[in-house]
Amino acid sequence: MESDLETEWLIMLFDDKLRLAWIRGESPVAFTISERRYEESGHGDLTTFYDRLEDRFGRIAGIRVHPVGKTAGFLRNISTFPYVSRSLDDVGVDIYFRSEANHLECTHDQAFGGKWFLASGNFLALSVDFSYLSCGESDRLAMMDAGAEWAVPVA
């Protein structure tokens, strides 16, 4: 996808409550959020494929993530959080950005990429290129209004 705009990476930080962050530019190899240093897991830039989950109004409400290669263990590790559930195909997981996760539809648009990050204490994060999920500014606004906690990364 050619664009004059910088790539905008959606970062999902997995903890008791989902935390989200934006990073613009090149795909990050490391970042710090709330004094916790996250570093690339070593699996490269193609660790997942993912689909958009929409609510009944067509707003982005989450993503369905499937593992690529040896990253299935990451999905098992995050599947215990309340905002994550096994997808219907039982291979991937659904990650919900908003609490009302009923009646979501998967778009099956199959974006590839994503990068897993590790921090000490067994904390995980996942980055995805938001342009593959987004239909425009309305999706960015829906994300900001999703009720998730937002964090600010430090390079």
N, C-alpha and C. Protein backbone atom coordinates (compact mmCIF):
# COMPACT_ATOMS: atom_id res chain seq x y z
N MET A 1 0.85 -1.17 0.00
CA MET A 1 0.00 0.00 0.00
C MET A 1 0.89 1.24 0.00
N GLU A 2 0.82 2.06 -1.02
CA GLU A 2 1.59 3.29 -1.11
C GLU A 2 0.82 4.43 -0.45
N SER A 3 1.55 5.26 0.32
CA SER A 3 0.88 6.36 0.99
C SER A 3 1.90 7.43 1.33
N ASP A 4 1.47 8.67 1.31
CA ASP A 4 2.32 9.77 1.74
C ASP A 4 2.31 9.91 3.25
N LEU A 5 1.38 9.26 3.90
CA LEU A 5 1.26 9.36 5.35
C LEU A 5 2.17 8.35 6.02
N GLU A 6 2.63 8.70 7.23
CA GLU A 6 3.41 7.75 8.00
C GLU A 6 2.52 6.60 8.44
N THR A 7 3.13 5.43 8.53
CA THR A 7 2.40 4.27 9.04
C THR A 7 2.06 4.51 10.50
N GLU A 8 0.86 4.15 10.87
CA GLU A 8 0.43 4.29 12.26
C GLU A 8 0.24 2.89 12.83
N TRP A 9 1.06 2.56 13.82
CA TRP A 9 1.03 1.25 14.46
C TRP A 9 0.14 1.31 15.69
N LEU A 10 -0.79 0.39 15.76
CA LEU A 10 -1.61 0.23 16.95
C LEU A 10 -0.89 -0.77 17.84
N ILE A 11 -0.58 -0.35 19.05
CA ILE A 11 0.10 -1.21 20.02
C ILE A 11 -0.92 -1.65 21.05
N MET A 12 -1.02 -2.95 21.26
CA MET A 12 -1.90 -3.52 22.29
C MET A 12 -1.03 -4.09 23.39
N LEU A 13 -1.21 -3.59 24.60
CA LEU A 13 -0.44 -4.03 25.76
C LEU A 13 -1.35 -4.91 26.61
N PHE A 14 -0.93 -6.14 26.82
CA PHE A 14 -1.77 -7.13 27.48
C PHE A 14 -1.47 -7.18 28.97
N ASP A 15 -2.47 -6.83 29.76
CA ASP A 15 -2.39 -6.84 31.22
C ASP A 15 -3.82 -7.04 31.70
N ASP A 16 -4.07 -6.85 32.98
CA ASP A 16 -5.43 -7.05 33.50
C ASP A 16 -6.45 -6.25 32.71
N LYS A 17 -6.06 -5.04 32.30
CA LYS A 17 -6.91 -4.21 31.46
C LYS A 17 -6.14 -3.93 30.17
N LEU A 18 -6.82 -4.00 29.04
CA LEU A 18 -6.17 -3.72 27.77
C LEU A 18 -5.72 -2.27 27.74
N ARG A 19 -4.48 -2.07 27.34
CA ARG A 19 -3.95 -0.73 27.14
C ARG A 19 -3.55 -0.61 25.68
N LEU A 20 -3.80 0.54 25.09
CA LEU A 20 -3.51 0.79 23.68
C LEU A 20 -2.59 1.99 23.55
N ALA A 21 -1.83 2.02 22.47
CA ALA A 21 -0.95 3.16 22.19
C ALA A 21 -0.79 3.26 20.67
N TRP A 22 -0.38 4.44 20.22
CA TRP A 22 -0.06 4.67 18.81
C TRP A 22 1.44 4.92 18.69
N ILE A 23 2.05 4.36 17.66
CA ILE A 23 3.42 4.69 17.29
C ILE A 23 3.40 4.96 15.80
N ARG A 24 3.97 6.10 15.40
CA ARG A 24 4.00 6.46 13.98
C ARG A 24 5.39 6.24 13.40
N GLY A 25 5.42 5.94 12.11
CA GLY A 25 6.70 5.79 11.42
C GLY A 25 7.02 4.34 11.12
N GLU A 26 8.30 4.02 11.21
CA GLU A 26 8.77 2.67 10.93
C GLU A 26 8.26 1.70 11.99
N SER A 27 8.18 0.44 11.62
CA SER A 27 7.79 -0.60 12.56
C SER A 27 8.77 -0.59 13.74
N PRO A 28 8.27 -0.44 14.96
CA PRO A 28 9.19 -0.33 16.10
C PRO A 28 9.91 -1.65 16.38
N VAL A 29 11.12 -1.55 16.93
CA VAL A 29 11.84 -2.73 17.39
C VAL A 29 11.83 -2.79 18.92
N ALA A 30 11.58 -1.63 19.54
CA ALA A 30 11.49 -1.56 21.00
C ALA A 30 10.80 -0.25 21.36
N PHE A 31 10.19 -0.21 22.53
CA PHE A 31 9.58 1.01 23.05
C PHE A 31 9.40 0.85 24.55
N THR A 32 9.19 1.97 25.22
CA THR A 32 8.97 1.98 26.66
C THR A 32 7.62 2.62 26.93
N ILE A 33 6.83 1.97 27.77
CA ILE A 33 5.56 2.53 28.21
C ILE A 33 5.46 2.30 29.71
N SER A 34 5.17 3.37 30.44
CA SER A 34 5.04 3.31 31.91
C SER A 34 6.26 2.63 32.54
N GLU A 35 7.43 3.05 32.10
CA GLU A 35 8.71 2.55 32.62
C GLU A 35 8.94 1.07 32.38
N ARG A 36 8.18 0.47 31.49
CA ARG A 36 8.38 -0.94 31.13
C ARG A 36 8.91 -0.98 29.70
N ARG A 37 10.07 -1.60 29.51
CA ARG A 37 10.72 -1.67 28.20
C ARG A 37 10.27 -2.93 27.46
N TYR A 38 9.67 -2.74 26.29
CA TYR A 38 9.22 -3.83 25.43
C TYR A 38 10.21 -3.97 24.28
N GLU A 39 10.64 -5.20 24.00
CA GLU A 39 11.56 -5.45 22.91
C GLU A 39 11.00 -6.52 21.99
N GLU A 40 11.33 -6.40 20.72
CA GLU A 40 10.85 -7.35 19.71
C GLU A 40 11.15 -8.78 20.17
N SER A 41 10.20 -9.67 19.92
CA SER A 41 10.31 -11.05 20.40
C SER A 41 11.32 -11.89 19.63
N GLY A 42 11.76 -11.41 18.47
CA GLY A 42 12.70 -12.18 17.67
C GLY A 42 12.03 -13.01 16.58
N HIS A 43 10.72 -12.88 16.45
CA HIS A 43 9.98 -13.64 15.43
C HIS A 43 9.78 -12.84 14.14
N GLY A 44 10.23 -11.60 14.09
CA GLY A 44 10.14 -10.80 12.87
C GLY A 44 8.84 -10.02 12.74
N ASP A 45 8.63 -9.51 11.51
CA ASP A 45 7.48 -8.63 11.23
C ASP A 45 6.23 -9.37 10.78
N LEU A 46 6.30 -10.66 10.58
CA LEU A 46 5.14 -11.42 10.13
C LEU A 46 4.83 -12.50 11.17
N THR A 47 4.15 -12.08 12.23
CA THR A 47 3.86 -13.01 13.33
C THR A 47 2.38 -13.29 13.49
N THR A 48 1.54 -12.58 12.75
CA THR A 48 0.10 -12.79 12.86
C THR A 48 -0.56 -12.47 11.53
N PHE A 49 -1.77 -12.96 11.37
CA PHE A 49 -2.66 -12.32 10.43
C PHE A 49 -3.92 -11.99 11.21
N TYR A 50 -4.57 -10.94 10.80
CA TYR A 50 -5.64 -10.40 11.63
C TYR A 50 -6.77 -9.86 10.78
N ASP A 51 -7.95 -9.86 11.39
CA ASP A 51 -9.18 -9.39 10.76
C ASP A 51 -9.84 -8.36 11.67
N ARG A 52 -10.54 -7.48 11.06
CA ARG A 52 -11.29 -6.46 11.77
C ARG A 52 -12.57 -7.06 12.34
N LEU A 53 -12.91 -6.71 13.58
CA LEU A 53 -14.20 -7.04 14.18
C LEU A 53 -15.02 -5.75 14.25
N GLU A 54 -16.25 -5.80 13.77
CA GLU A 54 -17.11 -4.61 13.74
C GLU A 54 -18.34 -4.82 14.60
N ASP A 55 -18.82 -3.72 15.18
CA ASP A 55 -20.09 -3.78 15.90
C ASP A 55 -21.23 -3.63 14.88
N ARG A 56 -22.45 -3.62 15.36
CA ARG A 56 -23.60 -3.59 14.44
C ARG A 56 -23.73 -2.28 13.66
N PHE A 57 -22.95 -1.26 14.06
CA PHE A 57 -22.96 0.02 13.35
C PHE A 57 -21.80 0.13 12.35
N GLY A 58 -21.00 -0.94 12.23
CA GLY A 58 -19.87 -0.94 11.32
C GLY A 58 -18.61 -0.30 11.89
N ARG A 59 -18.61 -0.01 13.20
CA ARG A 59 -17.43 0.59 13.84
C ARG A 59 -16.47 -0.52 14.26
N ILE A 60 -15.19 -0.21 14.18
CA ILE A 60 -14.20 -1.17 14.65
C ILE A 60 -14.37 -1.38 16.15
N ALA A 61 -14.41 -2.63 16.57
CA ALA A 61 -14.63 -2.96 17.98
C ALA A 61 -13.60 -3.94 18.51
N GLY A 62 -12.73 -4.43 17.62
CA GLY A 62 -11.70 -5.37 18.03
C GLY A 62 -11.04 -5.98 16.82
N ILE A 63 -10.16 -6.95 17.07
CA ILE A 63 -9.54 -7.68 15.98
C ILE A 63 -9.50 -9.16 16.31
N ARG A 64 -9.53 -9.97 15.27
CA ARG A 64 -9.31 -11.41 15.38
C ARG A 64 -7.88 -11.67 14.94
N VAL A 65 -7.11 -12.34 15.78
CA VAL A 65 -5.69 -12.57 15.53
C VAL A 65 -5.44 -14.07 15.40
N HIS A 66 -4.72 -14.44 14.35
CA HIS A 66 -4.30 -15.83 14.13
C HIS A 66 -2.78 -15.88 14.16
N PRO A 67 -2.20 -16.93 14.72
CA PRO A 67 -0.74 -17.01 14.79
C PRO A 67 -0.11 -17.39 13.46
N VAL A 68 1.12 -16.97 13.28
CA VAL A 68 1.95 -17.38 12.16
C VAL A 68 3.23 -17.96 12.75
N GLY A 69 3.65 -19.09 12.25
CA GLY A 69 4.89 -19.69 12.73
C GLY A 69 4.79 -20.13 14.18
N LYS A 70 5.79 -19.79 14.94
CA LYS A 70 5.90 -20.26 16.32
C LYS A 70 5.33 -19.27 17.33
N THR A 71 4.31 -18.51 16.94
CA THR A 71 3.77 -17.49 17.85
C THR A 71 2.46 -17.90 18.50
N ALA A 72 2.01 -19.14 18.31
CA ALA A 72 0.75 -19.58 18.92
C ALA A 72 0.79 -19.50 20.44
N GLY A 73 1.96 -19.68 21.03
CA GLY A 73 2.09 -19.58 22.49
C GLY A 73 1.72 -18.21 23.01
N PHE A 74 1.99 -17.16 22.24
CA PHE A 74 1.61 -15.81 22.66
C PHE A 74 0.09 -15.71 22.79
N LEU A 75 -0.63 -16.30 21.83
CA LEU A 75 -2.10 -16.25 21.89
C LEU A 75 -2.62 -17.03 23.08
N ARG A 76 -2.00 -18.16 23.39
CA ARG A 76 -2.41 -18.91 24.58
C ARG A 76 -2.19 -18.08 25.84
N ASN A 77 -1.09 -17.33 25.89
CA ASN A 77 -0.78 -16.53 27.07
C ASN A 77 -1.76 -15.38 27.29
N ILE A 78 -2.27 -14.80 26.22
CA ILE A 78 -3.18 -13.66 26.39
C ILE A 78 -4.64 -14.08 26.49
N SER A 79 -4.94 -15.34 26.19
CA SER A 79 -6.35 -15.76 26.13
C SER A 79 -7.04 -15.79 27.49
N THR A 80 -6.31 -15.59 28.57
CA THR A 80 -6.91 -15.58 29.91
C THR A 80 -7.46 -14.22 30.30
N PHE A 81 -7.14 -13.18 29.54
CA PHE A 81 -7.60 -11.84 29.90
C PHE A 81 -9.08 -11.67 29.55
N PRO A 82 -9.81 -10.85 30.31
CA PRO A 82 -11.26 -10.73 30.10
C PRO A 82 -11.66 -10.10 28.77
N TYR A 83 -10.78 -9.39 28.12
CA TYR A 83 -11.09 -8.74 26.84
C TYR A 83 -10.61 -9.58 25.65
N VAL A 84 -10.24 -10.83 25.92
CA VAL A 84 -9.78 -11.76 24.88
C VAL A 84 -10.61 -13.03 24.97
N SER A 85 -11.02 -13.55 23.82
CA SER A 85 -11.70 -14.85 23.81
C SER A 85 -11.23 -15.64 22.60
N ARG A 86 -11.37 -16.93 22.68
CA ARG A 86 -11.05 -17.78 21.55
C ARG A 86 -12.01 -17.47 20.42
N SER A 87 -11.49 -17.35 19.21
CA SER A 87 -12.38 -17.12 18.07
C SER A 87 -13.14 -18.40 17.76
N LEU A 88 -14.17 -18.28 17.00
CA LEU A 88 -15.02 -19.43 16.70
C LEU A 88 -14.28 -20.56 16.02
N ASP A 89 -13.21 -20.24 15.29
CA ASP A 89 -12.45 -21.30 14.62
C ASP A 89 -11.47 -21.98 15.57
N ASP A 90 -11.34 -21.46 16.80
CA ASP A 90 -10.51 -22.01 17.86
C ASP A 90 -9.02 -22.03 17.53
N VAL A 91 -8.60 -21.34 16.48
CA VAL A 91 -7.18 -21.23 16.17
C VAL A 91 -6.65 -19.90 16.66
N GLY A 92 -7.44 -18.86 16.49
CA GLY A 92 -7.03 -17.52 16.87
C GLY A 92 -7.77 -17.04 18.10
N VAL A 93 -7.60 -15.75 18.39
CA VAL A 93 -8.31 -15.11 19.49
C VAL A 93 -8.95 -13.83 18.99
N ASP A 94 -10.02 -13.43 19.66
CA ASP A 94 -10.64 -12.13 19.43
C ASP A 94 -10.21 -11.21 20.56
N ILE A 95 -9.75 -10.02 20.21
CA ILE A 95 -9.34 -9.00 21.18
C ILE A 95 -10.33 -7.87 21.06
N TYR A 96 -11.01 -7.54 22.17
CA TYR A 96 -12.08 -6.54 22.15
C TYR A 96 -11.56 -5.20 22.66
N PHE A 97 -11.81 -4.15 21.89
CA PHE A 97 -11.41 -2.80 22.28
C PHE A 97 -12.45 -2.12 23.15
N ARG A 98 -13.66 -2.60 23.13
CA ARG A 98 -14.74 -2.01 23.92
C ARG A 98 -15.42 -3.11 24.71
N SER A 99 -16.05 -2.74 25.80
CA SER A 99 -16.62 -3.74 26.71
C SER A 99 -17.83 -4.46 26.12
N GLU A 100 -18.62 -3.78 25.29
CA GLU A 100 -19.81 -4.43 24.72
C GLU A 100 -19.39 -5.22 23.48
N ALA A 101 -18.98 -6.46 23.70
CA ALA A 101 -18.43 -7.28 22.63
C ALA A 101 -19.45 -8.24 22.03
N ASN A 102 -20.72 -8.03 22.31
CA ASN A 102 -21.76 -8.90 21.75
C ASN A 102 -22.04 -8.53 20.30
N HIS A 103 -22.41 -9.52 19.53
CA HIS A 103 -22.87 -9.35 18.15
C HIS A 103 -21.84 -8.68 17.25
N LEU A 104 -20.59 -9.06 17.39
CA LEU A 104 -19.56 -8.53 16.51
C LEU A 104 -19.43 -9.41 15.28
N GLU A 105 -19.14 -8.77 14.17
CA GLU A 105 -18.96 -9.47 12.90
C GLU A 105 -17.50 -9.37 12.49
N CYS A 106 -16.95 -10.47 12.01
CA CYS A 106 -15.59 -10.49 11.49
C CYS A 106 -15.63 -10.18 10.00
N THR A 107 -14.77 -9.28 9.55
CA THR A 107 -14.76 -8.89 8.14
C THR A 107 -13.96 -9.85 7.26
N HIS A 108 -13.17 -10.70 7.85
CA HIS A 108 -12.35 -11.68 7.12
C HIS A 108 -11.49 -11.03 6.04
N ASP A 109 -10.90 -9.87 6.37
CA ASP A 109 -10.09 -9.17 5.38
C ASP A 109 -8.62 -9.57 5.40
N GLN A 110 -8.20 -10.36 6.35
CA GLN A 110 -6.90 -11.03 6.35
C GLN A 110 -5.70 -10.11 6.10
N ALA A 111 -5.43 -9.21 7.01
CA ALA A 111 -4.20 -8.43 6.94
C ALA A 111 -3.08 -9.26 7.56
N PHE A 112 -1.90 -9.19 6.97
CA PHE A 112 -0.75 -9.94 7.47
C PHE A 112 0.26 -8.99 8.07
N GLY A 113 0.95 -9.43 9.08
CA GLY A 113 1.99 -8.62 9.69
C GLY A 113 1.92 -8.76 11.19
N GLY A 114 2.15 -7.67 11.86
CA GLY A 114 2.13 -7.71 13.31
C GLY A 114 3.47 -8.13 13.87
N LYS A 115 3.75 -7.63 15.03
CA LYS A 115 5.01 -7.95 15.69
C LYS A 115 4.74 -8.09 17.18
N TRP A 116 5.25 -9.16 17.78
CA TRP A 116 5.12 -9.40 19.21
C TRP A 116 6.31 -8.81 19.94
N PHE A 117 6.03 -8.26 21.12
CA PHE A 117 7.05 -7.66 21.98
C PHE A 117 6.97 -8.28 23.36
N LEU A 118 8.13 -8.39 24.00
CA LEU A 118 8.22 -8.94 25.35
C LEU A 118 8.83 -7.91 26.28
N ALA A 119 8.35 -7.89 27.53
CA ALA A 119 8.94 -7.07 28.57
C ALA A 119 9.19 -7.96 29.78
N SER A 120 10.14 -7.56 30.62
CA SER A 120 10.44 -8.38 31.79
C SER A 120 9.18 -8.54 32.63
N GLY A 121 9.05 -9.69 33.26
CA GLY A 121 7.85 -10.01 34.02
C GLY A 121 6.81 -10.72 33.18
N ASN A 122 7.21 -11.18 31.99
CA ASN A 122 6.31 -11.89 31.07
C ASN A 122 5.17 -11.04 30.53
N PHE A 123 5.42 -9.76 30.32
CA PHE A 123 4.42 -8.89 29.72
C PHE A 123 4.55 -8.94 28.21
N LEU A 124 3.41 -8.96 27.53
CA LEU A 124 3.36 -9.05 26.07
C LEU A 124 2.69 -7.83 25.47
N ALA A 125 3.12 -7.49 24.26
CA ALA A 125 2.47 -6.44 23.46
C ALA A 125 2.47 -6.90 22.01
N LEU A 126 1.52 -6.41 21.25
CA LEU A 126 1.41 -6.73 19.83
C LEU A 126 1.20 -5.44 19.06
N SER A 127 1.95 -5.26 17.98
CA SER A 127 1.74 -4.10 17.10
C SER A 127 1.13 -4.58 15.79
N VAL A 128 0.20 -3.80 15.26
CA VAL A 128 -0.37 -4.05 13.93
C VAL A 128 -0.45 -2.73 13.18
N ASP A 129 -0.33 -2.81 11.88
CA ASP A 129 -0.45 -1.63 11.03
C ASP A 129 -1.93 -1.25 10.97
N PHE A 130 -2.28 -0.13 11.59
CA PHE A 130 -3.69 0.25 11.71
C PHE A 130 -4.32 0.56 10.36
N SER A 131 -3.52 0.93 9.36
CA SER A 131 -4.11 1.26 8.05
C SER A 131 -4.78 0.04 7.42
N TYR A 132 -4.36 -1.17 7.78
CA TYR A 132 -5.00 -2.36 7.25
C TYR A 132 -6.34 -2.65 7.92
N LEU A 133 -6.58 -2.03 9.06
CA LEU A 133 -7.84 -2.23 9.79
C LEU A 133 -8.82 -1.08 9.58
N SER A 134 -8.30 0.07 9.24
CA SER A 134 -9.08 1.29 9.29
C SER A 134 -9.79 1.62 7.98
N CYS A 135 -10.99 2.16 8.14
CA CYS A 135 -11.73 2.69 6.99
C CYS A 135 -11.67 4.21 6.98
N GLY A 136 -10.86 4.81 7.84
CA GLY A 136 -10.72 6.25 7.85
C GLY A 136 -10.73 6.84 9.24
N GLU A 137 -10.89 8.15 9.27
CA GLU A 137 -10.84 8.89 10.53
C GLU A 137 -11.92 8.44 11.51
N SER A 138 -13.06 8.00 11.01
CA SER A 138 -14.12 7.54 11.91
C SER A 138 -13.67 6.34 12.74
N ASP A 139 -12.82 5.48 12.16
CA ASP A 139 -12.30 4.35 12.92
C ASP A 139 -11.32 4.80 13.99
N ARG A 140 -10.51 5.79 13.66
CA ARG A 140 -9.57 6.30 14.67
C ARG A 140 -10.35 6.91 15.83
N LEU A 141 -11.40 7.64 15.53
CA LEU A 141 -12.24 8.22 16.58
C LEU A 141 -12.94 7.13 17.39
N ALA A 142 -13.41 6.08 16.72
CA ALA A 142 -14.04 4.96 17.43
C ALA A 142 -13.04 4.30 18.37
N MET A 143 -11.79 4.19 17.93
CA MET A 143 -10.75 3.61 18.79
C MET A 143 -10.52 4.47 20.02
N MET A 144 -10.45 5.78 19.81
CA MET A 144 -10.18 6.68 20.93
C MET A 144 -11.33 6.68 21.93
N ASP A 145 -12.52 6.34 21.46
CA ASP A 145 -13.72 6.34 22.30
C ASP A 145 -14.06 4.95 22.82
N ALA A 146 -13.18 3.99 22.62
CA ALA A 146 -13.50 2.59 22.91
C ALA A 146 -13.53 2.26 24.39
N GLY A 147 -12.98 3.10 25.23
CA GLY A 147 -12.99 2.80 26.66
C GLY A 147 -11.74 2.11 27.15
N ALA A 148 -10.83 1.76 26.25
CA ALA A 148 -9.56 1.16 26.66
C ALA A 148 -8.68 2.25 27.26
N GLU A 149 -7.75 1.85 28.07
CA GLU A 149 -6.79 2.80 28.63
C GLU A 149 -5.73 3.09 27.57
N TRP A 150 -5.40 4.37 27.39
CA TRP A 150 -4.41 4.76 26.40
C TRP A 150 -3.10 5.09 27.08
N ALA A 151 -2.01 4.69 26.46
CA ALA A 151 -0.67 4.91 27.00
C ALA A 151 0.15 5.69 25.98
N VAL A 152 1.21 6.32 26.46
CA VAL A 152 2.09 7.09 25.58
C VAL A 152 3.46 6.43 25.58
N PRO A 153 3.89 5.93 24.42
CA PRO A 153 5.20 5.28 24.35
C PRO A 153 6.34 6.29 24.32
N VAL A 154 7.49 5.86 24.80
CA VAL A 154 8.72 6.65 24.75
C VAL A 154 9.71 5.84 23.92
N ALA A 155 10.32 6.49 22.94
CA ALA A 155 11.26 5.77 22.05
C ALA A 155 12.48 5.30 22.81
